[in-house]
């Protein structure tokens, strides 16, 4: 699976479709914000803020990219940890 490189300032979002081996860190079918990380993309990984509140690398095939409507994105960004750049 390929997740396009995210280059603008709006965060990309994905849904977890495989939390095997990480049930405490990733919730199945939960929306996660993808943090920019060019090195992660070269290894087919994504940098995600997981359930611990910290950002970690996970294989991109555990997620499916989604388009989040602007109103929903604003709500998500107000209620989740601030994006670290």
N, C-alpha and C. Protein backbone atom coordinates (compact mmCIF):
# COMPACT_ATOMS: atom_id res chain seq x y z
N UNK A 1 0.84 -1.17 0.00
CA UNK A 1 0.00 0.00 0.00
C UNK A 1 0.89 1.23 0.00
N UNK A 2 0.46 2.22 -0.74
CA UNK A 2 1.21 3.47 -0.80
C UNK A 2 0.37 4.58 -0.21
N UNK A 3 0.97 5.31 0.70
CA UNK A 3 0.33 6.51 1.24
C UNK A 3 1.12 7.68 0.71
N UNK A 4 0.43 8.56 0.00
CA UNK A 4 1.13 9.66 -0.66
C UNK A 4 1.88 10.52 0.34
N UNK A 5 2.99 11.05 -0.14
CA UNK A 5 3.81 11.92 0.71
C UNK A 5 3.01 13.16 1.07
N UNK A 6 3.03 13.48 2.33
CA UNK A 6 2.25 14.60 2.84
C UNK A 6 3.18 15.81 2.95
N UNK A 7 2.88 16.83 2.15
CA UNK A 7 3.81 17.96 2.11
C UNK A 7 3.21 19.28 2.56
N UNK A 8 1.88 19.41 2.58
CA UNK A 8 1.34 20.69 3.02
C UNK A 8 1.23 20.72 4.54
N UNK A 9 0.72 21.84 5.08
CA UNK A 9 0.70 21.99 6.54
C UNK A 9 -0.48 21.28 7.20
N UNK A 10 -1.51 20.94 6.45
CA UNK A 10 -2.64 20.22 7.03
C UNK A 10 -2.22 18.78 7.29
N UNK A 11 -2.52 18.26 8.46
CA UNK A 11 -2.10 16.90 8.77
C UNK A 11 -2.87 15.87 7.95
N UNK A 12 -2.21 14.76 7.67
CA UNK A 12 -2.85 13.63 7.00
C UNK A 12 -3.44 12.73 8.07
N UNK A 13 -4.49 12.00 7.69
CA UNK A 13 -5.14 11.10 8.63
C UNK A 13 -5.26 9.72 8.03
N UNK A 14 -5.22 8.71 8.90
CA UNK A 14 -5.35 7.32 8.50
C UNK A 14 -6.26 6.61 9.50
N UNK A 15 -6.78 5.46 9.08
CA UNK A 15 -7.56 4.60 9.96
C UNK A 15 -6.77 3.31 10.15
N UNK A 16 -6.67 2.85 11.38
CA UNK A 16 -5.96 1.61 11.68
C UNK A 16 -6.82 0.42 11.25
N UNK A 17 -6.24 -0.46 10.42
CA UNK A 17 -6.95 -1.66 9.99
C UNK A 17 -6.27 -2.93 10.49
N UNK A 18 -5.14 -2.79 11.18
CA UNK A 18 -4.42 -3.95 11.71
C UNK A 18 -3.64 -3.52 12.95
N UNK A 19 -4.11 -3.96 14.12
CA UNK A 19 -3.40 -3.63 15.35
C UNK A 19 -2.74 -4.85 15.97
N UNK A 20 -2.61 -5.93 15.18
CA UNK A 20 -1.96 -7.13 15.69
C UNK A 20 -0.55 -6.79 16.15
N UNK A 21 -0.14 -7.38 17.24
CA UNK A 21 1.15 -7.14 17.90
C UNK A 21 1.19 -5.82 18.67
N UNK A 22 0.21 -4.94 18.48
CA UNK A 22 0.19 -3.65 19.17
C UNK A 22 -1.20 -3.31 19.72
N UNK A 23 -1.91 -4.25 20.35
CA UNK A 23 -3.29 -3.96 20.78
C UNK A 23 -3.40 -2.86 21.83
N UNK A 24 -2.37 -2.64 22.62
CA UNK A 24 -2.41 -1.58 23.63
C UNK A 24 -2.02 -0.22 23.03
N UNK A 25 -1.34 -0.24 21.88
CA UNK A 25 -0.84 0.99 21.28
C UNK A 25 -1.70 1.53 20.15
N UNK A 26 -2.37 0.63 19.44
CA UNK A 26 -3.21 1.02 18.31
C UNK A 26 -4.61 0.43 18.48
N UNK A 27 -5.62 1.27 18.27
CA UNK A 27 -7.01 0.80 18.33
C UNK A 27 -7.51 0.55 16.92
N UNK A 28 -8.06 -0.63 16.71
CA UNK A 28 -8.61 -0.99 15.42
C UNK A 28 -9.72 -0.01 15.03
N UNK A 29 -9.68 0.47 13.81
CA UNK A 29 -10.66 1.38 13.22
C UNK A 29 -10.64 2.80 13.79
N UNK A 30 -9.62 3.14 14.54
CA UNK A 30 -9.49 4.50 15.07
C UNK A 30 -8.77 5.38 14.06
N UNK A 31 -9.14 6.66 14.03
CA UNK A 31 -8.47 7.64 13.17
C UNK A 31 -7.22 8.14 13.89
N UNK A 32 -6.09 8.14 13.16
CA UNK A 32 -4.82 8.64 13.70
C UNK A 32 -4.28 9.73 12.79
N UNK A 33 -3.60 10.68 13.38
CA UNK A 33 -2.92 11.73 12.64
C UNK A 33 -1.53 11.21 12.26
N UNK A 34 -1.12 11.49 11.03
CA UNK A 34 0.21 11.12 10.55
C UNK A 34 1.11 12.33 10.70
N UNK A 35 2.23 12.16 11.39
CA UNK A 35 3.20 13.24 11.54
C UNK A 35 4.19 13.20 10.39
N UNK A 36 4.61 14.35 9.90
CA UNK A 36 5.58 14.38 8.81
C UNK A 36 6.89 13.72 9.22
N UNK A 37 7.40 12.83 8.38
CA UNK A 37 8.67 12.15 8.62
C UNK A 37 9.12 11.54 7.31
N UNK A 38 9.98 12.26 6.58
CA UNK A 38 10.44 11.79 5.27
C UNK A 38 11.17 10.46 5.35
N UNK A 39 11.98 10.26 6.40
CA UNK A 39 12.72 9.01 6.54
C UNK A 39 11.78 7.83 6.73
N UNK A 40 10.69 8.03 7.45
CA UNK A 40 9.72 6.96 7.68
C UNK A 40 9.12 6.52 6.35
N UNK A 41 8.80 7.46 5.50
CA UNK A 41 8.19 7.14 4.21
C UNK A 41 9.07 6.31 3.31
N UNK A 42 10.38 6.49 3.40
CA UNK A 42 11.28 5.70 2.56
C UNK A 42 11.31 4.24 2.99
N UNK A 43 10.91 3.96 4.23
CA UNK A 43 10.87 2.58 4.72
C UNK A 43 9.45 2.03 4.77
N UNK A 44 8.50 2.71 4.12
CA UNK A 44 7.08 2.31 4.12
C UNK A 44 6.50 2.29 5.53
N UNK A 45 6.93 3.26 6.34
CA UNK A 45 6.41 3.42 7.69
C UNK A 45 5.68 4.75 7.80
N UNK A 46 4.89 4.88 8.86
CA UNK A 46 4.23 6.13 9.18
C UNK A 46 4.54 6.48 10.62
N UNK A 47 4.72 7.75 10.90
CA UNK A 47 4.90 8.21 12.27
C UNK A 47 3.54 8.64 12.79
N UNK A 48 3.08 7.92 13.83
CA UNK A 48 1.74 8.07 14.37
C UNK A 48 1.83 8.39 15.86
N UNK A 49 0.95 9.27 16.36
CA UNK A 49 0.81 9.44 17.80
C UNK A 49 -0.17 8.35 18.24
N UNK A 50 0.35 7.37 18.97
CA UNK A 50 -0.48 6.22 19.34
C UNK A 50 -1.16 6.44 20.69
N UNK A 51 -1.70 5.37 21.26
CA UNK A 51 -2.47 5.47 22.50
C UNK A 51 -1.62 5.86 23.70
N UNK A 52 -0.30 5.73 23.61
CA UNK A 52 0.58 6.15 24.71
C UNK A 52 0.73 7.67 24.75
N UNK A 53 0.32 8.34 23.66
CA UNK A 53 0.49 9.78 23.56
C UNK A 53 1.82 10.17 22.96
N UNK A 54 2.64 9.19 22.63
CA UNK A 54 3.95 9.42 22.01
C UNK A 54 3.88 9.05 20.54
N UNK A 55 4.80 9.59 19.75
CA UNK A 55 4.83 9.22 18.34
C UNK A 55 5.82 8.08 18.11
N UNK A 56 5.38 7.11 17.33
CA UNK A 56 6.18 5.94 16.99
C UNK A 56 6.00 5.62 15.52
N UNK A 57 6.93 4.84 14.98
CA UNK A 57 6.83 4.38 13.61
C UNK A 57 6.08 3.06 13.56
N UNK A 58 5.15 2.96 12.62
CA UNK A 58 4.41 1.73 12.37
C UNK A 58 4.41 1.49 10.87
N UNK A 59 4.32 0.24 10.49
CA UNK A 59 4.25 -0.12 9.08
C UNK A 59 3.00 0.50 8.46
N UNK A 60 3.16 1.11 7.30
CA UNK A 60 2.05 1.80 6.63
C UNK A 60 0.92 0.84 6.26
N UNK A 61 1.22 -0.45 6.11
CA UNK A 61 0.16 -1.38 5.73
C UNK A 61 -0.82 -1.67 6.86
N UNK A 62 -0.58 -1.12 8.03
CA UNK A 62 -1.53 -1.23 9.15
C UNK A 62 -2.63 -0.17 9.07
N UNK A 63 -2.53 0.73 8.10
CA UNK A 63 -3.43 1.89 8.02
C UNK A 63 -3.94 2.09 6.60
N UNK A 64 -5.08 2.79 6.52
CA UNK A 64 -5.65 3.22 5.24
C UNK A 64 -5.82 4.73 5.32
N UNK A 65 -5.33 5.46 4.31
CA UNK A 65 -5.49 6.92 4.34
C UNK A 65 -6.96 7.31 4.14
N UNK A 66 -7.37 8.38 4.80
CA UNK A 66 -8.74 8.87 4.65
C UNK A 66 -8.74 10.37 4.44
N UNK A 67 -9.80 10.84 3.80
CA UNK A 67 -10.02 12.28 3.66
C UNK A 67 -10.97 12.69 4.77
N UNK A 68 -10.56 13.65 5.56
CA UNK A 68 -11.37 14.11 6.69
C UNK A 68 -11.96 15.47 6.34
N UNK A 69 -13.28 15.60 6.43
CA UNK A 69 -13.90 16.91 6.15
C UNK A 69 -13.34 17.99 7.08
N UNK A 70 -13.32 19.22 6.60
CA UNK A 70 -12.72 20.32 7.35
C UNK A 70 -13.33 20.46 8.74
N UNK A 71 -14.64 20.39 8.87
CA UNK A 71 -15.28 20.55 10.19
C UNK A 71 -14.82 19.45 11.14
N UNK A 72 -14.73 18.21 10.64
CA UNK A 72 -14.27 17.10 11.49
C UNK A 72 -12.80 17.28 11.84
N UNK A 73 -11.99 17.72 10.87
CA UNK A 73 -10.56 17.93 11.12
C UNK A 73 -10.35 18.95 12.22
N UNK A 74 -11.10 20.05 12.18
CA UNK A 74 -10.97 21.07 13.22
C UNK A 74 -11.31 20.50 14.59
N UNK A 75 -12.35 19.70 14.67
CA UNK A 75 -12.74 19.09 15.94
C UNK A 75 -11.67 18.12 16.44
N UNK A 76 -11.14 17.30 15.54
CA UNK A 76 -10.09 16.35 15.91
C UNK A 76 -8.87 17.09 16.44
N UNK A 77 -8.47 18.13 15.74
CA UNK A 77 -7.26 18.86 16.12
C UNK A 77 -7.41 19.61 17.43
N UNK A 78 -8.62 19.90 17.83
CA UNK A 78 -8.85 20.55 19.12
C UNK A 78 -8.82 19.56 20.28
N UNK A 79 -9.04 18.28 19.98
CA UNK A 79 -9.18 17.30 21.05
C UNK A 79 -8.04 16.30 21.14
N UNK A 80 -7.10 16.32 20.22
CA UNK A 80 -5.96 15.41 20.29
C UNK A 80 -4.71 16.19 20.63
N UNK A 81 -3.65 15.46 20.95
CA UNK A 81 -2.38 16.12 21.27
C UNK A 81 -1.94 17.01 20.13
N UNK A 82 -1.36 18.15 20.42
CA UNK A 82 -0.90 19.04 19.35
C UNK A 82 0.17 18.36 18.50
N UNK A 83 0.13 18.66 17.23
CA UNK A 83 1.10 18.08 16.30
C UNK A 83 2.48 18.64 16.58
N UNK A 84 3.45 17.75 16.69
CA UNK A 84 4.84 18.18 16.92
C UNK A 84 5.57 18.23 15.60
N UNK A 85 6.24 19.32 15.33
CA UNK A 85 6.98 19.46 14.07
C UNK A 85 8.46 19.38 14.30
